[in-house]
Amino acid sequence: MNITASAISLNVPDVEASARWAEQHLGFTVAMAAEGFSSLTRPDAGINLIYLRTGLPTFKPQAQAASASGLLVVFTVDDIDDEYLRLQDEGVDIVTPIETEPWGERYFQMSDPNGVIYQLVQWMTTQHDQG
């Protein structure tokens, strides 16, 4: 098997709201869109974000067509503190303030307009980095 691309597909009630949020706050751009569907890309992300409107009859398996919940969309960044300040200044809904775990994971979590949780993380390598 040769994987040529990766994506995460999220069912949301308002596709346009999540797509705008990802563009504005995460720097993604729309690669393709249609009624009830939007695929966003960012060259350094490693995945496309795909939003599908809940209730689309074409979604399979139909039993799993509910809104995205119980998951985290996680991106590793170079400077977590700068991103935290930037996103706070932009008025993003921060649902878990920035913190550092004992194993070196420094992160925070935010919510988009549909309640999808995104986590930005930076792996700290020294005690100095863990500020």
C-alpha atoms as a PDB file:
ATOM      1  CA  MET A   1       0.000   0.000   0.000  1.00  0.00           C
ATOM      2  CA  ASN A   2       1.158   3.512  -0.853  1.00  0.00           C
ATOM      3  CA  ILE A   3      -0.772   6.295   0.902  1.00  0.00           C
ATOM      4  CA  THR A   4      -0.749   9.378  -1.300  1.00  0.00           C
ATOM      5  CA  ALA A   5      -2.785  11.776   0.832  1.00  0.00           C
ATOM      6  CA  SER A   6      -4.557  11.948   4.198  1.00  0.00           C
ATOM      7  CA  ALA A   7      -7.696  13.685   5.424  1.00  0.00           C
ATOM      8  CA  ILE A   8     -10.007  13.814   8.386  1.00  0.00           C
ATOM      9  CA  SER A   9     -13.705  14.112   7.647  1.00  0.00           C
ATOM     10  CA  LEU A  10     -15.878  15.798  10.268  1.00  0.00           C
ATOM     11  CA  ASN A  11     -19.672  15.903  10.267  1.00  0.00           C
ATOM     12  CA  VAL A  12     -20.908  19.323  11.388  1.00  0.00           C
ATOM     13  CA  PRO A  13     -24.255  21.139  11.216  1.00  0.00           C
ATOM     14  CA  ASP A  14     -22.731  24.272   9.634  1.00  0.00           C
ATOM     15  CA  VAL A  15     -19.990  23.423   7.133  1.00  0.00           C
ATOM     16  CA  GLU A  16     -19.337  27.055   6.177  1.00  0.00           C
ATOM     17  CA  ALA A  17     -18.811  28.130   9.814  1.00  0.00           C
ATOM     18  CA  SER A  18     -16.155  25.480  10.467  1.00  0.00           C
ATOM     19  CA  ALA A  19     -14.464  26.120   7.108  1.00  0.00           C
ATOM     20  CA  ARG A  20     -14.296  29.891   7.742  1.00  0.00           C
ATOM     21  CA  TRP A  21     -12.948  29.258  11.252  1.00  0.00           C
ATOM     22  CA  ALA A  22     -10.194  26.935   9.950  1.00  0.00           C
ATOM     23  CA  GLU A  23      -9.269  29.492   7.285  1.00  0.00           C
ATOM     24  CA  GLN A  24      -9.236  32.463   9.659  1.00  0.00           C
ATOM     25  CA  HIS A  25      -7.547  30.894  12.674  1.00  0.00           C
ATOM     26  CA  LEU A  26      -5.564  27.919  11.370  1.00  0.00           C
ATOM     27  CA  GLY A  27      -4.482  29.190   7.949  1.00  0.00           C
ATOM     28  CA  PHE A  28      -6.189  26.497   5.854  1.00  0.00           C
ATOM     29  CA  THR A  29      -7.529  27.298   2.381  1.00  0.00           C
ATOM     30  CA  VAL A  30     -10.514  25.809   0.588  1.00  0.00           C
ATOM     31  CA  ALA A  31      -9.401  23.278  -2.013  1.00  0.00           C
ATOM     32  CA  MET A  32     -12.886  22.145  -3.011  1.00  0.00           C
ATOM     33  CA  ALA A  33     -16.433  22.932  -1.908  1.00  0.00           C
ATOM     34  CA  ALA A  34     -20.009  22.091  -2.840  1.00  0.00           C
ATOM     35  CA  GLU A  35     -23.389  22.130  -1.116  1.00  0.00           C
ATOM     36  CA  GLY A  36     -22.869  20.551   2.320  1.00  0.00           C
ATOM     37  CA  PHE A  37     -19.168  19.861   1.751  1.00  0.00           C
ATOM     38  CA  SER A  38     -15.847  21.665   2.071  1.00  0.00           C
ATOM     39  CA  SER A  39     -12.281  20.335   1.826  1.00  0.00           C
ATOM     40  CA  LEU A  40      -9.519  22.548   3.190  1.00  0.00           C
ATOM     41  CA  THR A  41      -5.806  22.165   2.765  1.00  0.00           C
ATOM     42  CA  ARG A  42      -2.580  23.529   4.134  1.00  0.00           C
ATOM     43  CA  PRO A  43       0.733  22.310   2.673  1.00  0.00           C
ATOM     44  CA  ASP A  44       2.413  21.777   6.051  1.00  0.00           C
ATOM     45  CA  ALA A  45      -0.516  20.144   7.883  1.00  0.00           C
ATOM     46  CA  GLY A  46      -0.141  16.611   6.548  1.00  0.00           C
ATOM     47  CA  ILE A  47      -3.930  16.216   6.247  1.00  0.00           C
ATOM     48  CA  ASN A  48      -6.887  17.909   4.625  1.00  0.00           C
ATOM     49  CA  LEU A  49      -9.777  18.971   6.833  1.00  0.00           C
ATOM     50  CA  ILE A  50     -13.075  17.887   5.298  1.00  0.00           C
ATOM     51  CA  TYR A  51     -16.373  19.126   6.672  1.00  0.00           C
ATOM     52  CA  LEU A  52     -19.611  17.376   5.747  1.00  0.00           C
ATOM     53  CA  ARG A  53     -23.030  18.663   6.707  1.00  0.00           C
ATOM     54  CA  THR A  54     -24.763  16.291   9.105  1.00  0.00           C
ATOM     55  CA  GLY A  55     -27.662  14.447   7.548  1.00  0.00           C
ATOM     56  CA  LEU A  56     -26.284  14.159   4.008  1.00  0.00           C
ATOM     57  CA  PRO A  57     -27.975  11.140   2.398  1.00  0.00           C
ATOM     58  CA  THR A  58     -24.706  10.225   0.655  1.00  0.00           C
ATOM     59  CA  PHE A  59     -22.831   9.701   3.949  1.00  0.00           C
ATOM     60  CA  LYS A  60     -21.974   6.062   4.579  1.00  0.00           C
ATOM     61  CA  PRO A  61     -22.345   4.278   6.934  1.00  0.00           C
ATOM     62  CA  GLN A  62     -25.566   6.125   7.746  1.00  0.00           C
ATOM     63  CA  ALA A  63     -25.443   4.933  11.384  1.00  0.00           C
ATOM     64  CA  GLN A  64     -22.340   7.120  11.877  1.00  0.00           C
ATOM     65  CA  ALA A  65     -23.772  10.291  10.335  1.00  0.00           C
ATOM     66  CA  ALA A  66     -24.072  12.236  13.618  1.00  0.00           C
ATOM     67  CA  SER A  67     -22.003  15.342  14.416  1.00  0.00           C
ATOM     68  CA  ALA A  68     -18.298  14.938  15.115  1.00  0.00           C
ATOM     69  CA  SER A  69     -17.724  14.583  18.851  1.00  0.00           C
ATOM     70  CA  GLY A  70     -15.374  12.891  21.253  1.00  0.00           C
ATOM     71  CA  LEU A  71     -12.295  13.571  19.181  1.00  0.00           C
ATOM     72  CA  LEU A  72      -9.421  16.026  19.027  1.00  0.00           C
ATOM     73  CA  VAL A  73      -7.920  17.433  15.842  1.00  0.00           C
ATOM     74  CA  VAL A  74      -4.283  17.934  16.840  1.00  0.00           C
ATOM     75  CA  PHE A  75      -1.551  19.952  15.154  1.00  0.00           C
ATOM     76  CA  THR A  76       2.045  20.268  16.375  1.00  0.00           C
ATOM     77  CA  VAL A  77       3.466  23.795  16.146  1.00  0.00           C
ATOM     78  CA  ASP A  78       6.881  25.413  16.632  1.00  0.00           C
ATOM     79  CA  ASP A  79       5.922  28.103  19.168  1.00  0.00           C
ATOM     80  CA  ILE A  80       2.894  27.189  21.253  1.00  0.00           C
ATOM     81  CA  ASP A  81       3.039  30.339  23.382  1.00  0.00           C
ATOM     82  CA  ASP A  82       2.937  32.653  20.342  1.00  0.00           C
ATOM     83  CA  GLU A  83       0.023  30.693  18.872  1.00  0.00           C
ATOM     84  CA  TYR A  84      -1.843  30.813  22.190  1.00  0.00           C
ATOM     85  CA  LEU A  85      -1.495  34.595  22.417  1.00  0.00           C
ATOM     86  CA  ARG A  86      -2.424  35.074  18.750  1.00  0.00           C
ATOM     87  CA  LEU A  87      -5.550  32.948  19.005  1.00  0.00           C
ATOM     88  CA  GLN A  88      -6.604  34.593  22.276  1.00  0.00           C
ATOM     89  CA  ASP A  89      -6.222  37.993  20.563  1.00  0.00           C
ATOM     90  CA  GLU A  90      -8.384  36.718  17.687  1.00  0.00           C
ATOM     91  CA  GLY A  91     -11.144  35.846  20.155  1.00  0.00           C
ATOM     92  CA  VAL A  92     -10.981  32.078  19.639  1.00  0.00           C
ATOM     93  CA  ASP A  93     -12.922  30.019  22.195  1.00  0.00           C
ATOM     94  CA  ILE A  94     -10.095  28.510  24.286  1.00  0.00           C
ATOM     95  CA  VAL A  95     -11.627  25.524  26.113  1.00  0.00           C
ATOM     96  CA  THR A  96      -8.445  24.286  27.830  1.00  0.00           C
ATOM     97  CA  PRO A  97      -5.867  26.932  28.777  1.00  0.00           C
ATOM     98  CA  ILE A  98      -2.225  26.332  27.960  1.00  0.00           C
ATOM     99  CA  GLU A  99      -0.462  23.829  30.195  1.00  0.00           C
ATOM    100  CA  THR A 100       2.563  21.527  30.174  1.00  0.00           C
ATOM    101  CA  GLU A 101       2.376  17.843  31.026  1.00  0.00           C
ATOM    102  CA  PRO A 102       5.246  16.203  32.964  1.00  0.00           C
ATOM    103  CA  TRP A 103       6.261  14.269  29.818  1.00  0.00           C
ATOM    104  CA  GLY A 104       6.873  17.515  27.893  1.00  0.00           C
ATOM    105  CA  GLU A 105       3.625  18.048  25.976  1.00  0.00           C
ATOM    106  CA  ARG A 106       2.727  21.764  26.106  1.00  0.00           C
ATOM    107  CA  TYR A 107      -0.718  22.339  24.635  1.00  0.00           C
ATOM    108  CA  PHE A 108      -4.054  24.117  24.652  1.00  0.00           C
ATOM    109  CA  GLN A 109      -7.445  23.323  23.164  1.00  0.00           C
ATOM    110  CA  MET A 110      -9.989  25.450  21.324  1.00  0.00           C
ATOM    111  CA  SER A 111     -13.448  24.981  19.878  1.00  0.00           C
ATOM    112  CA  ASP A 112     -14.773  25.983  16.468  1.00  0.00           C
ATOM    113  CA  PRO A 113     -18.364  27.261  15.952  1.00  0.00           C
ATOM    114  CA  ASN A 114     -19.647  23.668  15.627  1.00  0.00           C
ATOM    115  CA  GLY A 115     -17.938  22.488  18.806  1.00  0.00           C
ATOM    116  CA  VAL A 116     -15.098  20.589  17.093  1.00  0.00           C
ATOM    117  CA  ILE A 117     -12.105  20.604  19.452  1.00  0.00           C
ATOM    118  CA  TYR A 118      -8.682  21.452  18.049  1.00  0.00           C
ATOM    119  CA  GLN A 119      -5.493  21.076  20.033  1.00  0.00           C
ATOM    120  CA  LEU A 120      -2.202  22.771  19.301  1.00  0.00           C
ATOM    121  CA  VAL A 121       0.835  21.146  20.890  1.00  0.00           C
ATOM    122  CA  GLN A 122       4.558  21.720  21.159  1.00  0.00           C
ATOM    123  CA  TRP A 123       6.855  19.043  22.514  1.00  0.00           C
ATOM    124  CA  MET A 124       9.252  20.582  25.019  1.00  0.00           C
ATOM    125  CA  THR A 125      12.738  19.099  25.207  1.00  0.00           C
ATOM    126  CA  THR A 126      14.245  20.831  28.249  1.00  0.00           C
ATOM    127  CA  GLN A 127      13.050  22.258  31.540  1.00  0.00           C
ATOM    128  CA  HIS A 128      13.926  25.718  30.158  1.00  0.00           C
ATOM    129  CA  ASP A 129      11.479  25.190  27.273  1.00  0.00           C
ATOM    130  CA  GLN A 130       8.641  24.363  29.674  1.00  0.00           C
ATOM    131  CA  GLY A 131       8.457  27.935  31.033  1.00  0.00           C
END
